[in-house]
Structure formats: structure tokens, C-alpha cells
Amino acid sequence: MDDKTARNFLIDQGMTLETRRNPDAFLMLLERGNAPIPGQMTSILLALKVLYRSLEGRSQIDRELTYALHLLVLESQRQFERGRNCGVSWPPLLAEDLNRLERAVASIFTGKWQD
């Protein structure tokens, strides 16, 4: 995955609640109480790592990407909690994956990878 593909993929996954363009986007699935498509979370985490590497040494991130990353973290946690409160049976590793997502986005914002 190259940095442009990673950027576009993350924007699509993060902005989907606003645009409603992609019904299979990560946040749309969580909003409906559905688990991510197999491999989707892996693709998101890979895209975040690619993006992190492409932004190393840069002091600015464009607004659209920043907002998409913010929404990806905020809304995934919100939808996860909402689903859990409504009795959704999430996959066992989803909570851990959401923590990985949050650390990867924080890494992009701080410029230092957080394992």
C-alpha cells in the first residue's frame, strides 16, 4: 500500500458517517452493530502505519486527513460502547484492535510510534 492509497482509504473509513458513501466502511458497520469485515481492521492498521511513515519529519497534516483520523478513533469507540450497551456481541479482539487504532493515530499526531 502506498501513502496516497493509505490516505484515501483512511479518509473513506473515517468520514463515512458524514458522507454515507460506503456502506461497508468501518464506522458504518459499527454504527449498524455489525463487526468489521474480515481483514478490514488489519487494513486500517496497515494504512495507519504507512501513513505514519510517509508523514515522518513533517510538521503539518492536512485538515481533511486529521479530521478523518479523529473521527475514526472517536466514533469507533463511541459506536463500540453504544453497541455493547445495546447487547451487541462484538468479536473478542475488537476492543483491543480499537486500542491499537487509537495508539496508531496518536503516533501519527505525535510523530513517535507508540507500540
PDB file of N, CA and C in Angstrom:
ATOM      1  N   MET A   1       0.860  -1.176   0.000  1.00  0.00           N
ATOM      2  CA  MET A   1       0.000   0.000   0.000  1.00  0.00           C
ATOM      3  C   MET A   1       0.902   1.232   0.000  1.00  0.00           C
ATOM      4  N   ASP A   2       0.630   2.146  -0.906  1.00  0.00           N
ATOM      5  CA  ASP A   2       1.412   3.390  -0.928  1.00  0.00           C
ATOM      6  C   ASP A   2       0.716   4.448  -0.071  1.00  0.00           C
ATOM      7  N   ASP A   3       1.401   5.575   0.154  1.00  0.00           N
ATOM      8  CA  ASP A   3       0.867   6.587   1.073  1.00  0.00           C
ATOM      9  C   ASP A   3      -0.414   7.237   0.556  1.00  0.00           C
ATOM     10  N   LYS A   4      -0.553   7.421  -0.749  1.00  0.00           N
ATOM     11  CA  LYS A   4      -1.773   8.020  -1.289  1.00  0.00           C
ATOM     12  C   LYS A   4      -2.968   7.084  -1.107  1.00  0.00           C
ATOM     13  N   THR A   5      -2.759   5.804  -1.359  1.00  0.00           N
ATOM     14  CA  THR A   5      -3.813   4.807  -1.158  1.00  0.00           C
ATOM     15  C   THR A   5      -4.199   4.738   0.313  1.00  0.00           C
ATOM     16  N   ALA A   6      -3.209   4.746   1.191  1.00  0.00           N
ATOM     17  CA  ALA A   6      -3.466   4.706   2.633  1.00  0.00           C
ATOM     18  C   ALA A   6      -4.279   5.915   3.068  1.00  0.00           C
ATOM     19  N   ARG A   7      -3.875   7.084   2.605  1.00  0.00           N
ATOM     20  CA  ARG A   7      -4.584   8.320   2.955  1.00  0.00           C
ATOM     21  C   ARG A   7      -6.038   8.251   2.502  1.00  0.00           C
ATOM     22  N   ASN A   8      -6.269   7.895   1.247  1.00  0.00           N
ATOM     23  CA  ASN A   8      -7.636   7.839   0.716  1.00  0.00           C
ATOM     24  C   ASN A   8      -8.475   6.786   1.425  1.00  0.00           C
ATOM     25  N   PHE A   9      -7.875   5.651   1.719  1.00  0.00           N
ATOM     26  CA  PHE A   9      -8.583   4.582   2.424  1.00  0.00           C
ATOM     27  C   PHE A   9      -9.008   5.046   3.812  1.00  0.00           C
ATOM     28  N   LEU A  10      -8.096   5.695   4.532  1.00  0.00           N
ATOM     29  CA  LEU A  10      -8.417   6.152   5.887  1.00  0.00           C
ATOM     30  C   LEU A  10      -9.462   7.259   5.879  1.00  0.00           C
ATOM     31  N   ILE A  11      -9.403   8.136   4.907  1.00  0.00           N
ATOM     32  CA  ILE A  11     -10.426   9.179   4.797  1.00  0.00           C
ATOM     33  C   ILE A  11     -11.784   8.543   4.523  1.00  0.00           C
ATOM     34  N   ASP A  12     -11.813   7.555   3.634  1.00  0.00           N
ATOM     35  CA  ASP A  12     -13.068   6.860   3.328  1.00  0.00           C
ATOM     36  C   ASP A  12     -13.623   6.164   4.574  1.00  0.00           C
ATOM     37  N   GLN A  13     -12.770   5.494   5.327  1.00  0.00           N
ATOM     38  CA  GLN A  13     -13.209   4.777   6.524  1.00  0.00           C
ATOM     39  C   GLN A  13     -13.630   5.735   7.632  1.00  0.00           C
ATOM     40  N   GLY A  14     -12.962   6.888   7.736  1.00  0.00           N
ATOM     41  CA  GLY A  14     -13.221   7.824   8.831  1.00  0.00           C
ATOM     42  C   GLY A  14     -14.329   8.823   8.575  1.00  0.00           C
ATOM     43  N   MET A  15     -14.529   9.195   7.333  1.00  0.00           N
ATOM     44  CA  MET A  15     -15.522  10.231   7.013  1.00  0.00           C
ATOM     45  C   MET A  15     -16.880   9.651   6.613  1.00  0.00           C
ATOM     46  N   THR A  16     -16.994   8.370   6.630  1.00  0.00           N
ATOM     47  CA  THR A  16     -18.178   7.719   6.086  1.00  0.00           C
ATOM     48  C   THR A  16     -19.482   8.071   6.807  1.00  0.00           C
ATOM     49  N   LEU A  17     -19.430   8.337   8.101  1.00  0.00           N
ATOM     50  CA  LEU A  17     -20.663   8.690   8.807  1.00  0.00           C
ATOM     51  C   LEU A  17     -21.207  10.023   8.323  1.00  0.00           C
ATOM     52  N   GLU A  18     -20.335  10.865   7.807  1.00  0.00           N
ATOM     53  CA  GLU A  18     -20.778  12.155   7.282  1.00  0.00           C
ATOM     54  C   GLU A  18     -21.216  12.059   5.830  1.00  0.00           C
ATOM     55  N   THR A  19     -20.494  11.244   5.054  1.00  0.00           N
ATOM     56  CA  THR A  19     -20.775  11.183   3.618  1.00  0.00           C
ATOM     57  C   THR A  19     -21.773  10.091   3.254  1.00  0.00           C
ATOM     58  N   ARG A  20     -21.807   9.030   4.036  1.00  0.00           N
ATOM     59  CA  ARG A  20     -22.676   7.870   3.774  1.00  0.00           C
ATOM     60  C   ARG A  20     -22.403   7.244   2.405  1.00  0.00           C
ATOM     61  N   ARG A  21     -21.165   7.400   1.904  1.00  0.00           N
ATOM     62  CA  ARG A  21     -20.799   6.876   0.582  1.00  0.00           C
ATOM     63  C   ARG A  21     -20.577   5.383   0.573  1.00  0.00           C
ATOM     64  N   ASN A  22     -19.973   4.844   1.590  1.00  0.00           N
ATOM     65  CA  ASN A  22     -19.545   3.458   1.582  1.00  0.00           C
ATOM     66  C   ASN A  22     -20.239   2.686   2.705  1.00  0.00           C
ATOM     67  N   PRO A  23     -21.273   1.907   2.387  1.00  0.00           N
ATOM     68  CA  PRO A  23     -21.996   1.194   3.435  1.00  0.00           C
ATOM     69  C   PRO A  23     -21.162   0.127   4.143  1.00  0.00           C
ATOM     70  N   ASP A  24     -20.058  -0.301   3.533  1.00  0.00           N
ATOM     71  CA  ASP A  24     -19.188  -1.298   4.162  1.00  0.00           C
ATOM     72  C   ASP A  24     -17.983  -0.676   4.856  1.00  0.00           C
ATOM     73  N   ALA A  25     -17.962   0.640   4.971  1.00  0.00           N
ATOM     74  CA  ALA A  25     -16.872   1.303   5.683  1.00  0.00           C
ATOM     75  C   ALA A  25     -16.944   0.926   7.160  1.00  0.00           C
ATOM     76  N   PHE A  26     -15.806   0.944   7.786  1.00  0.00           N
ATOM     77  CA  PHE A  26     -15.656   0.520   9.176  1.00  0.00           C
ATOM     78  C   PHE A  26     -16.684   1.154  10.114  1.00  0.00           C
ATOM     79  N   LEU A  27     -16.782   2.474  10.079  1.00  0.00           N
ATOM     80  CA  LEU A  27     -17.700   3.152  11.002  1.00  0.00           C
ATOM     81  C   LEU A  27     -19.166   2.865  10.686  1.00  0.00           C
ATOM     82  N   MET A  28     -19.486   2.695   9.423  1.00  0.00           N
ATOM     83  CA  MET A  28     -20.870   2.365   9.049  1.00  0.00           C
ATOM     84  C   MET A  28     -21.259   0.991   9.604  1.00  0.00           C
ATOM     85  N   LEU A  29     -20.347   0.034   9.509  1.00  0.00           N
ATOM     86  CA  LEU A  29     -20.616  -1.295  10.047  1.00  0.00           C
ATOM     87  C   LEU A  29     -20.837  -1.228  11.557  1.00  0.00           C
ATOM     88  N   LEU A  30     -19.945  -0.522  12.257  1.00  0.00           N
ATOM     89  CA  LEU A  30     -20.096  -0.412  13.713  1.00  0.00           C
ATOM     90  C   LEU A  30     -21.392   0.297  14.080  1.00  0.00           C
ATOM     91  N   GLU A  31     -21.749   1.309  13.321  1.00  0.00           N
ATOM     92  CA  GLU A  31     -22.982   2.050  13.602  1.00  0.00           C
ATOM     93  C   GLU A  31     -24.200   1.126  13.514  1.00  0.00           C
ATOM     94  N   ARG A  32     -24.157   0.176  12.591  1.00  0.00           N
ATOM     95  CA  ARG A  32     -25.266  -0.777  12.431  1.00  0.00           C
ATOM     96  C   ARG A  32     -25.168  -1.956  13.394  1.00  0.00           C
ATOM     97  N   GLY A  33     -24.122  -1.974  14.221  1.00  0.00           N
ATOM     98  CA  GLY A  33     -23.947  -3.075  15.168  1.00  0.00           C
ATOM     99  C   GLY A  33     -23.339  -4.306  14.535  1.00  0.00           C
ATOM    100  N   ASN A  34     -22.665  -4.115  13.391  1.00  0.00           N
ATOM    101  CA  ASN A  34     -22.007  -5.224  12.703  1.00  0.00           C
ATOM    102  C   ASN A  34     -20.503  -5.169  12.934  1.00  0.00           C
ATOM    103  N   ALA A  35     -19.918  -6.345  13.000  1.00  0.00           N
ATOM    104  CA  ALA A  35     -18.470  -6.434  13.139  1.00  0.00           C
ATOM    105  C   ALA A  35     -17.797  -6.003  11.841  1.00  0.00           C
ATOM    106  N   PRO A  36     -16.550  -5.569  11.929  1.00  0.00           N
ATOM    107  CA  PRO A  36     -15.809  -5.233  10.706  1.00  0.00           C
ATOM    108  C   PRO A  36     -15.712  -6.455   9.791  1.00  0.00           C
ATOM    109  N   ILE A  37     -15.566  -6.191   8.501  1.00  0.00           N
ATOM    110  CA  ILE A  37     -15.349  -7.247   7.520  1.00  0.00           C
ATOM    111  C   ILE A  37     -13.996  -7.879   7.829  1.00  0.00           C
ATOM    112  N   PRO A  38     -13.866  -9.209   7.690  1.00  0.00           N
ATOM    113  CA  PRO A  38     -12.563  -9.831   7.955  1.00  0.00           C
ATOM    114  C   PRO A  38     -11.441  -9.133   7.169  1.00  0.00           C
ATOM    115  N   GLY A  39     -10.381  -8.795   7.887  1.00  0.00           N
ATOM    116  CA  GLY A  39      -9.236  -8.121   7.295  1.00  0.00           C
ATOM    117  C   GLY A  39      -9.342  -6.605   7.267  1.00  0.00           C
ATOM    118  N   GLN A  40     -10.535  -6.074   7.544  1.00  0.00           N
ATOM    119  CA  GLN A  40     -10.728  -4.622   7.477  1.00  0.00           C
ATOM    120  C   GLN A  40      -9.891  -3.892   8.524  1.00  0.00           C
ATOM    121  N   MET A  41      -9.903  -4.383   9.739  1.00  0.00           N
ATOM    122  CA  MET A  41      -9.125  -3.734  10.798  1.00  0.00           C
ATOM    123  C   MET A  41      -7.636  -3.852  10.504  1.00  0.00           C
ATOM    124  N   THR A  42      -7.212  -4.991   9.987  1.00  0.00           N
ATOM    125  CA  THR A  42      -5.810  -5.156   9.610  1.00  0.00           C
ATOM    126  C   THR A  42      -5.420  -4.140   8.545  1.00  0.00           C
ATOM    127  N   SER A  43      -6.300  -3.928   7.573  1.00  0.00           N
ATOM    128  CA  SER A  43      -6.041  -2.946   6.512  1.00  0.00           C
ATOM    129  C   SER A  43      -5.967  -1.534   7.072  1.00  0.00           C
ATOM    130  N   ILE A  44      -6.836  -1.219   8.015  1.00  0.00           N
ATOM    131  CA  ILE A  44      -6.821   0.102   8.636  1.00  0.00           C
ATOM    132  C   ILE A  44      -5.509   0.314   9.391  1.00  0.00           C
ATOM    133  N   LEU A  45      -5.110  -0.675  10.173  1.00  0.00           N
ATOM    134  CA  LEU A  45      -3.864  -0.546  10.940  1.00  0.00           C
ATOM    135  C   LEU A  45      -2.653  -0.467  10.021  1.00  0.00           C
ATOM    136  N   LEU A  46      -2.656  -1.225   8.937  1.00  0.00           N
ATOM    137  CA  LEU A  46      -1.573  -1.143   7.960  1.00  0.00           C
ATOM    138  C   LEU A  46      -1.526   0.238   7.316  1.00  0.00           C
ATOM    139  N   ALA A  47      -2.693   0.753   6.935  1.00  0.00           N
ATOM    140  CA  ALA A  47      -2.759   2.094   6.331  1.00  0.00           C
ATOM    141  C   ALA A  47      -2.241   3.150   7.299  1.00  0.00           C
ATOM    142  N   LEU A  48      -2.540   3.007   8.574  1.00  0.00           N
ATOM    143  CA  LEU A  48      -2.048   3.960   9.573  1.00  0.00           C
ATOM    144  C   LEU A  48      -0.523   3.893   9.686  1.00  0.00           C
ATOM    145  N   LYS A  49       0.034   2.703   9.629  1.00  0.00           N
ATOM    146  CA  LYS A  49       1.497   2.556   9.692  1.00  0.00           C
ATOM    147  C   LYS A  49       2.148   3.174   8.452  1.00  0.00           C
ATOM    148  N   VAL A  50       1.565   2.930   7.277  1.00  0.00           N
ATOM    149  CA  VAL A  50       2.072   3.520   6.035  1.00  0.00           C
ATOM    150  C   VAL A  50       2.003   5.043   6.118  1.00  0.00           C
ATOM    151  N   LEU A  51       0.881   5.544   6.593  1.00  0.00           N
ATOM    152  CA  LEU A  51       0.708   6.988   6.724  1.00  0.00           C
ATOM    153  C   LEU A  51       1.717   7.569   7.710  1.00  0.00           C
ATOM    154  N   TYR A  52       1.900   6.894   8.825  1.00  0.00           N
ATOM    155  CA  TYR A  52       2.879   7.355   9.819  1.00  0.00           C
ATOM    156  C   TYR A  52       4.251   7.508   9.168  1.00  0.00           C
ATOM    157  N   ARG A  53       4.666   6.493   8.437  1.00  0.00           N
ATOM    158  CA  ARG A  53       5.989   6.533   7.793  1.00  0.00           C
ATOM    159  C   ARG A  53       6.073   7.649   6.753  1.00  0.00           C
ATOM    160  N   SER A  54       4.995   7.877   6.032  1.00  0.00           N
ATOM    161  CA  SER A  54       5.034   8.916   4.994  1.00  0.00           C
ATOM    162  C   SER A  54       5.036  10.330   5.592  1.00  0.00           C
ATOM    163  N   LEU A  55       4.548  10.452   6.830  1.00  0.00           N
ATOM    164  CA  LEU A  55       4.489  11.766   7.471  1.00  0.00           C
ATOM    165  C   LEU A  55       5.665  12.040   8.400  1.00  0.00           C
ATOM    166  N   GLU A  56       6.543  11.054   8.569  1.00  0.00           N
ATOM    167  CA  GLU A  56       7.697  11.259   9.452  1.00  0.00           C
ATOM    168  C   GLU A  56       8.479  12.497   9.033  1.00  0.00           C
ATOM    169  N   GLY A  57       8.784  13.314  10.014  1.00  0.00           N
ATOM    170  CA  GLY A  57       9.560  14.517   9.760  1.00  0.00           C
ATOM    171  C   GLY A  57       8.742  15.704   9.300  1.00  0.00           C
ATOM    172  N   ARG A  58       7.475  15.511   9.017  1.00  0.00           N
ATOM    173  CA  ARG A  58       6.635  16.641   8.596  1.00  0.00           C
ATOM    174  C   ARG A  58       5.965  17.245   9.820  1.00  0.00           C
ATOM    175  N   SER A  59       5.793  18.545   9.787  1.00  0.00           N
ATOM    176  CA  SER A  59       5.218  19.222  10.954  1.00  0.00           C
ATOM    177  C   SER A  59       3.722  19.498  10.801  1.00  0.00           C
ATOM    178  N   GLN A  60       3.167  19.231   9.611  1.00  0.00           N
ATOM    179  CA  GLN A  60       1.746  19.506   9.401  1.00  0.00           C
ATOM    180  C   GLN A  60       1.065  18.329   8.710  1.00  0.00           C
ATOM    181  N   ILE A  61      -0.209  18.168   9.028  1.00  0.00           N
ATOM    182  CA  ILE A  61      -1.061  17.162   8.399  1.00  0.00           C
ATOM    183  C   ILE A  61      -2.274  17.914   7.874  1.00  0.00           C
ATOM    184  N   ASP A  62      -2.739  17.557   6.682  1.00  0.00           N
ATOM    185  CA  ASP A  62      -3.871  18.304   6.124  1.00  0.00           C
ATOM    186  C   ASP A  62      -5.142  18.089   6.946  1.00  0.00           C
ATOM    187  N   ARG A  63      -5.987  19.077   6.906  1.00  0.00           N
ATOM    188  CA  ARG A  63      -7.180  19.134   7.736  1.00  0.00           C
ATOM    189  C   ARG A  63      -8.136  17.964   7.493  1.00  0.00           C
ATOM    190  N   GLU A  64      -8.382  17.617   6.234  1.00  0.00           N
ATOM    191  CA  GLU A  64      -9.309  16.525   5.926  1.00  0.00           C
ATOM    192  C   GLU A  64      -8.825  15.205   6.522  1.00  0.00           C
ATOM    193  N   LEU A  65      -7.557  14.919   6.365  1.00  0.00           N
ATOM    194  CA  LEU A  65      -6.991  13.691   6.927  1.00  0.00           C
ATOM    195  C   LEU A  65      -7.047  13.704   8.446  1.00  0.00           C
ATOM    196  N   THR A  66      -6.691  14.815   9.042  1.00  0.00           N
ATOM    197  CA  THR A  66      -6.724  14.934  10.502  1.00  0.00           C
ATOM    198  C   THR A  66      -8.124  14.690  11.034  1.00  0.00           C
ATOM    199  N   TYR A  67      -9.103  15.287  10.394  1.00  0.00           N
ATOM    200  CA  TYR A  67     -10.493  15.109  10.834  1.00  0.00           C
ATOM    201  C   TYR A  67     -10.934  13.655  10.664  1.00  0.00           C
ATOM    202  N   ALA A  68     -10.560  13.031   9.561  1.00  0.00           N
ATOM    203  CA  ALA A  68     -10.920  11.626   9.336  1.00  0.00           C
ATOM    204  C   ALA A  68     -10.304  10.730  10.407  1.00  0.00           C
ATOM    205  N   LEU A  69      -9.041  10.971  10.758  1.00  0.00           N
ATOM    206  CA  LEU A  69      -8.394  10.178  11.797  1.00  0.00           C
ATOM    207  C   LEU A  69      -9.055  10.401  13.154  1.00  0.00           C
ATOM    208  N   HIS A  70      -9.376  11.645  13.439  1.00  0.00           N
ATOM    209  CA  HIS A  70     -10.078  11.983  14.684  1.00  0.00           C
ATOM    210  C   HIS A  70     -11.408  11.230  14.767  1.00  0.00           C
ATOM    211  N   LEU A  71     -12.182  11.279  13.684  1.00  0.00           N
ATOM    212  CA  LEU A  71     -13.475  10.590  13.671  1.00  0.00           C
ATOM    213  C   LEU A  71     -13.308   9.080  13.763  1.00  0.00           C
ATOM    214  N   LEU A  72     -12.310   8.556  13.117  1.00  0.00           N
ATOM    215  CA  LEU A  72     -12.076   7.119  13.141  1.00  0.00           C
ATOM    216  C   LEU A  72     -11.887   6.626  14.574  1.00  0.00           C
ATOM    217  N   VAL A  73     -11.103   7.354  15.350  1.00  0.00           N
ATOM    218  CA  VAL A  73     -10.875   6.968  16.746  1.00  0.00           C
ATOM    219  C   VAL A  73     -12.112   7.245  17.595  1.00  0.00           C
ATOM    220  N   LEU A  74     -12.609   8.464  17.533  1.00  0.00           N
ATOM    221  CA  LEU A  74     -13.724   8.870  18.385  1.00  0.00           C
ATOM    222  C   LEU A  74     -14.983   8.052  18.111  1.00  0.00           C
ATOM    223  N   GLU A  75     -15.372   7.969  16.862  1.00  0.00           N
ATOM    224  CA  GLU A  75     -16.622   7.285  16.524  1.00  0.00           C
ATOM    225  C   GLU A  75     -16.539   5.772  16.668  1.00  0.00           C
ATOM    226  N   SER A  76     -15.363   5.193  16.436  1.00  0.00           N
ATOM    227  CA  SER A  76     -15.266   3.745  16.615  1.00  0.00           C
ATOM    228  C   SER A  76     -15.475   3.381  18.081  1.00  0.00           C
ATOM    229  N   GLN A  77     -14.875   4.157  18.978  1.00  0.00           N
ATOM    230  CA  GLN A  77     -15.083   3.912  20.413  1.00  0.00           C
ATOM    231  C   GLN A  77     -16.542   4.162  20.810  1.00  0.00           C
ATOM    232  N   ARG A  78     -17.092   5.232  20.281  1.00  0.00           N
ATOM    233  CA  ARG A  78     -18.485   5.583  20.595  1.00  0.00           C
ATOM    234  C   ARG A  78     -19.444   4.492  20.111  1.00  0.00           C
ATOM    235  N   GLN A  79     -19.264   4.040  18.873  1.00  0.00           N
ATOM    236  CA  GLN A  79     -20.143   3.014  18.320  1.00  0.00           C
ATOM    237  C   GLN A  79     -19.949   1.666  19.015  1.00  0.00           C
ATOM    238  N   PHE A  80     -18.720   1.369  19.390  1.00  0.00           N
ATOM    239  CA  PHE A  80     -18.434   0.144  20.126  1.00  0.00           C
ATOM    240  C   PHE A  80     -19.177   0.147  21.465  1.00  0.00           C
ATOM    241  N   GLU A  81     -19.062   1.232  22.210  1.00  0.00           N
ATOM    242  CA  GLU A  81     -19.741   1.336  23.509  1.00  0.00           C
ATOM    243  C   GLU A  81     -21.260   1.312  23.344  1.00  0.00           C
ATOM    244  N   ARG A  82     -21.753   2.030  22.355  1.00  0.00           N
ATOM    245  CA  ARG A  82     -23.189   2.053  22.093  1.00  0.00           C
ATOM    246  C   ARG A  82     -23.695   0.652  21.796  1.00  0.00           C
ATOM    247  N   GLY A  83     -22.963  -0.057  20.959  1.00  0.00           N
ATOM    248  CA  GLY A  83     -23.351  -1.427  20.626  1.00  0.00           C
ATOM    249  C   GLY A  83     -23.311  -2.333  21.840  1.00  0.00           C
ATOM    250  N   ARG A  84     -22.268  -2.204  22.621  1.00  0.00           N
ATOM    251  CA  ARG A  84     -22.157  -3.046  23.816  1.00  0.00           C
ATOM    252  C   ARG A  84     -23.316  -2.772  24.774  1.00  0.00           C
ATOM    253  N   ASN A  85     -23.680  -1.504  24.923  1.00  0.00           N
ATOM    254  CA  ASN A  85     -24.807  -1.151  25.792  1.00  0.00           C
ATOM    255  C   ASN A  85     -26.132  -1.667  25.265  1.00  0.00           C
ATOM    256  N   CYS A  86     -26.208  -1.881  23.947  1.00  0.00           N
ATOM    257  CA  CYS A  86     -27.431  -2.401  23.319  1.00  0.00           C
ATOM    258  C   CYS A  86     -27.400  -3.919  23.164  1.00  0.00           C
ATOM    259  N   GLY A  87     -26.364  -4.558  23.701  1.00  0.00           N
ATOM    260  CA  GLY A  87     -26.290  -6.012  23.671  1.00  0.00           C
ATOM    261  C   GLY A  87     -25.622  -6.622  22.449  1.00  0.00           C
ATOM    262  N   VAL A  88     -24.920  -5.812  21.673  1.00  0.00           N
ATOM    263  CA  VAL A  88     -24.207  -6.359  20.515  1.00  0.00           C
ATOM    264  C   VAL A  88     -23.064  -7.234  21.024  1.00  0.00           C
ATOM    265  N   SER A  89     -22.919  -8.378  20.411  1.00  0.00           N
ATOM    266  CA  SER A  89     -21.834  -9.293  20.753  1.00  0.00           C
ATOM    267  C   SER A  89     -20.684  -9.050  19.781  1.00  0.00           C
ATOM    268  N   TRP A  90     -19.770  -8.179  20.163  1.00  0.00           N
ATOM    269  CA  TRP A  90     -18.645  -7.828  19.302  1.00  0.00           C
ATOM    270  C   TRP A  90     -17.627  -8.958  19.289  1.00  0.00           C
ATOM    271  N   PRO A  91     -16.820  -9.049  18.230  1.00  0.00           N
ATOM    272  CA  PRO A  91     -15.729 -10.034  18.224  1.00  0.00           C
ATOM    273  C   PRO A  91     -14.812  -9.798  19.418  1.00  0.00           C
ATOM    274  N   PRO A  92     -14.242 -10.865  19.966  1.00  0.00           N
ATOM    275  CA  PRO A  92     -13.457 -10.741  21.196  1.00  0.00           C
ATOM    276  C   PRO A  92     -12.262  -9.798  21.099  1.00  0.00           C
ATOM    277  N   LEU A  93     -11.640  -9.667  19.950  1.00  0.00           N
ATOM    278  CA  LEU A  93     -10.446  -8.831  19.828  1.00  0.00           C
ATOM    279  C   LEU A  93     -10.740  -7.401  19.375  1.00  0.00           C
ATOM    280  N   LEU A  94     -12.008  -7.063  19.151  1.00  0.00           N
ATOM    281  CA  LEU A  94     -12.317  -5.730  18.633  1.00  0.00           C
ATOM    282  C   LEU A  94     -11.899  -4.621  19.595  1.00  0.00           C
ATOM    283  N   ALA A  95     -12.133  -4.790  20.870  1.00  0.00           N
ATOM    284  CA  ALA A  95     -11.740  -3.750  21.843  1.00  0.00           C
ATOM    285  C   ALA A  95     -10.233  -3.520  21.798  1.00  0.00           C
ATOM    286  N   GLU A  96      -9.469  -4.586  21.711  1.00  0.00           N
ATOM    287  CA  GLU A  96      -8.016  -4.470  21.631  1.00  0.00           C
ATOM    288  C   GLU A  96      -7.597  -3.797  20.315  1.00  0.00           C
ATOM    289  N   ASP A  97      -8.276  -4.156  19.230  1.00  0.00           N
ATOM    290  CA  ASP A  97      -7.981  -3.521  17.939  1.00  0.00           C
ATOM    291  C   ASP A  97      -8.285  -2.024  17.966  1.00  0.00           C
ATOM    292  N   LEU A  98      -9.347  -1.643  18.640  1.00  0.00           N
ATOM    293  CA  LEU A  98      -9.677  -0.215  18.748  1.00  0.00           C
ATOM    294  C   LEU A  98      -8.609   0.525  19.545  1.00  0.00           C
ATOM    295  N   ASN A  99      -8.045  -0.134  20.538  1.00  0.00           N
ATOM    296  CA  ASN A  99      -6.929   0.475  21.286  1.00  0.00           C
ATOM    297  C   ASN A  99      -5.703   0.626  20.392  1.00  0.00           C
ATOM    298  N   ARG A 100      -5.442  -0.371  19.552  1.00  0.00           N
ATOM    299  CA  ARG A 100      -4.328  -0.270  18.596  1.00  0.00           C
ATOM    300  C   ARG A 100      -4.556   0.888  17.640  1.00  0.00           C
ATOM    301  N   LEU A 101      -5.795   1.014  17.169  1.00  0.00           N
ATOM    302  CA  LEU A 101      -6.151   2.105  16.264  1.00  0.00           C
ATOM    303  C   LEU A 101      -5.872   3.447  16.935  1.00  0.00           C
ATOM    304  N   GLU A 102      -6.300   3.576  18.168  1.00  0.00           N
ATOM    305  CA  GLU A 102      -6.094   4.828  18.909  1.00  0.00           C
ATOM    306  C   GLU A 102      -4.602   5.145  19.078  1.00  0.00           C
ATOM    307  N   ARG A 103      -3.800   4.135  19.404  1.00  0.00           N
ATOM    308  CA  ARG A 103      -2.355   4.350  19.565  1.00  0.00           C
ATOM    309  C   ARG A 103      -1.698   4.716  18.238  1.00  0.00           C
ATOM    310  N   ALA A 104      -2.139   4.096  17.147  1.00  0.00           N
ATOM    311  CA  ALA A 104      -1.558   4.403  15.831  1.00  0.00           C
ATOM    312  C   ALA A 104      -1.870   5.841  15.422  1.00  0.00           C
ATOM    313  N   VAL A 105      -3.099   6.276  15.653  1.00  0.00           N
ATOM    314  CA  VAL A 105      -3.460   7.663  15.324  1.00  0.00           C
ATOM    315  C   VAL A 105      -2.691   8.632  16.223  1.00  0.00           C
ATOM    316  N   ALA A 106      -2.583   8.322  17.496  1.00  0.00           N
ATOM    317  CA  ALA A 106      -1.796   9.166  18.397  1.00  0.00           C
ATOM    318  C   ALA A 106      -0.346   9.228  17.926  1.00  0.00           C
ATOM    319  N   SER A 107       0.172   8.122  17.428  1.00  0.00           N
ATOM    320  CA  SER A 107       1.539   8.097  16.906  1.00  0.00           C
ATOM    321  C   SER A 107       1.700   9.058  15.737  1.00  0.00           C
ATOM    322  N   ILE A 108       0.709   9.080  14.858  1.00  0.00           N
ATOM    323  CA  ILE A 108       0.740   9.996  13.718  1.00  0.00           C
ATOM    324  C   ILE A 108       0.732  11.436  14.209  1.00  0.00           C
ATOM    325  N   PHE A 109      -0.095  11.733  15.186  1.00  0.00           N
ATOM    326  CA  PHE A 109      -0.195  13.094  15.694  1.00  0.00           C
ATOM    327  C   PHE A 109       1.065  13.533  16.448  1.00  0.00           C
ATOM    328  N   THR A 110       1.688  12.612  17.165  1.00  0.00           N
ATOM    329  CA  THR A 110       2.871  12.987  17.957  1.00  0.00           C
ATOM    330  C   THR A 110       4.183  12.840  17.194  1.00  0.00           C
ATOM    331  N   GLY A 111       4.170  12.040  16.139  1.00  0.00           N
ATOM    332  CA  GLY A 111       5.395  11.814  15.382  1.00  0.00           C
ATOM    333  C   GLY A 111       6.304  10.779  16.004  1.00  0.00           C
ATOM    334  N   LYS A 112       5.798  10.038  16.982  1.00  0.00           N
ATOM    335  CA  LYS A 112       6.576   8.975  17.631  1.00  0.00           C
ATOM    336  C   LYS A 112       5.707   7.743  17.742  1.00  0.00           C
ATOM    337  N   TRP A 113       6.173   6.624  17.147  1.00  0.00           N
ATOM    338  CA  TRP A 113       5.354   5.421  17.121  1.00  0.00           C
ATOM    339  C   TRP A 113       5.182   4.867  18.528  1.00  0.00           C
ATOM    340  N   GLN A 114       3.930   4.563  18.876  1.00  0.00           N
ATOM    341  CA  GLN A 114       3.587   4.002  20.191  1.00  0.00           C
ATOM    342  C   GLN A 114       3.153   2.561  20.000  1.00  0.00           C
ATOM    343  N   ASP A 115       3.945   1.633  20.556  1.00  0.00           N
ATOM    344  CA  ASP A 115       3.577   0.211  20.434  1.00  0.00           C
ATOM    345  C   ASP A 115       2.473  -0.160  21.381  1.00  0.00           C
TER     346      ASP A 115
END
